[in-house]
Protein backbone atom coordinates (compact mmCIF):
# COMPACT_ATOMS: atom_id res chain seq x y z
CA MET A 1 32.48 101.29 -9.46
CA GLU A 2 31.36 100.52 -13.21
CA LEU A 3 31.23 96.78 -14.19
CA THR A 4 33.68 95.26 -16.74
CA GLN A 5 32.52 93.77 -19.94
CA LEU A 6 33.16 90.23 -18.35
CA GLU A 7 31.27 91.27 -15.24
CA GLU A 8 28.07 92.68 -17.22
CA ALA A 9 28.21 89.62 -19.30
CA ILE A 10 28.09 87.12 -16.05
CA GLU A 11 25.50 89.58 -14.58
CA LYS A 12 23.20 89.14 -17.85
CA LEU A 13 23.51 85.39 -17.61
CA VAL A 14 22.50 85.50 -14.07
CA THR A 15 19.54 87.84 -14.45
CA THR A 16 18.47 86.24 -17.75
CA PHE A 17 18.11 82.73 -15.83
CA LEU A 18 16.47 84.53 -12.71
CA SER A 19 13.78 86.22 -14.96
CA CYS A 20 12.96 82.90 -16.73
CA ALA A 21 13.13 80.57 -13.80
CA GLY A 22 11.05 82.93 -11.49
CA GLN A 23 10.76 82.58 -7.77
CA GLU A 24 11.21 78.73 -7.78
CA GLY A 25 15.01 79.35 -8.61
CA SER A 26 14.79 76.51 -11.29
CA MET A 27 13.63 76.23 -14.52
CA THR A 28 10.65 73.66 -15.53
CA PRO A 29 10.98 72.34 -19.17
CA ASP A 30 8.28 74.82 -20.30
CA GLN A 31 10.38 77.75 -19.01
CA PHE A 32 13.71 75.95 -20.55
CA ARG A 33 12.13 75.87 -23.99
CA ALA A 34 11.04 79.46 -23.86
CA LEU A 35 14.58 80.58 -22.65
CA VAL A 36 16.30 78.78 -25.71
CA GLN A 37 13.77 79.67 -28.35
CA LEU A 38 13.86 83.33 -27.35
CA GLN A 39 17.41 83.84 -26.31
CA LEU A 40 19.34 81.03 -28.05
CA PRO A 41 17.56 80.65 -31.32
CA SER A 42 20.76 79.15 -33.03
CA LEU A 43 20.85 76.30 -30.38
CA VAL A 44 17.51 75.16 -31.29
CA GLN A 45 18.57 74.78 -34.91
CA ASP A 46 21.36 72.45 -33.64
CA ILE A 47 19.66 70.32 -31.02
CA PRO A 48 16.97 67.82 -32.39
CA SER A 49 15.24 67.37 -29.03
CA LEU A 50 15.14 70.12 -26.27
CA GLU A 51 13.67 67.59 -24.12
CA GLU A 52 16.61 65.22 -24.58
CA LYS A 53 19.06 68.21 -24.00
CA MET A 54 17.05 69.30 -20.68
CA GLN A 55 17.36 65.70 -19.62
CA GLU A 56 20.85 65.84 -20.49
CA LEU A 57 21.58 68.98 -18.55
CA ASP A 58 19.26 67.93 -15.32
CA VAL A 59 22.10 65.97 -13.45
CA ASN A 60 19.74 65.28 -10.31
CA LYS A 61 17.01 64.42 -12.28
CA ASP A 62 14.31 66.36 -10.75
CA HIS A 63 12.85 67.64 -14.24
CA GLU A 64 13.90 71.15 -13.20
CA LEU A 65 17.08 73.20 -14.18
CA GLU A 66 19.07 74.65 -11.41
CA PHE A 67 21.56 77.53 -11.78
CA SER A 68 24.34 75.19 -11.99
CA GLU A 69 22.85 73.00 -14.75
CA TYR A 70 22.08 76.12 -16.84
CA TRP A 71 25.60 77.23 -16.11
CA LYS A 72 26.57 74.04 -17.91
CA LEU A 73 24.50 74.99 -20.78
CA MET A 74 26.12 78.31 -20.97
CA GLY A 75 29.67 76.70 -21.09
CA GLU A 76 28.49 74.45 -23.80
CA VAL A 77 27.24 77.43 -25.90
CA ALA A 78 30.53 79.33 -25.25
CA LYS A 79 32.35 76.11 -26.32
CA ALA A 80 30.43 75.75 -29.70
CA ILE A 81 30.85 79.82 -30.23
CA ARG A 82 34.59 79.52 -29.62
CA ARG A 83 34.81 76.43 -32.25
CA GLU A 84 33.20 78.50 -34.70
CA ASP A 85 35.29 81.65 -34.39
CA THR A 86 38.40 79.42 -34.65
CA GLY A 87 37.12 77.05 -37.18
CA LYS A 88 37.94 73.93 -34.85
CA GLN A 89 35.95 70.81 -34.65
């Protein structure tokens, strides 16, 4: 069965996380920085400090990003894109 566009997008989000997180299943600050710089370059321009953003996303304060914490970042990115598309602040 062929995936829908939304299913493909979700699969891409998951595989991108897994490719950056590696076998540990979570991202270190260096892995997070590499992901953002490579895959979200416009986000780098909007965030003064990636370290602060990582700390904000790291809900359980283990200095790593688990998938649920990464998913929160994707939600923030989606909201920002929607605001840009609709012109809302």
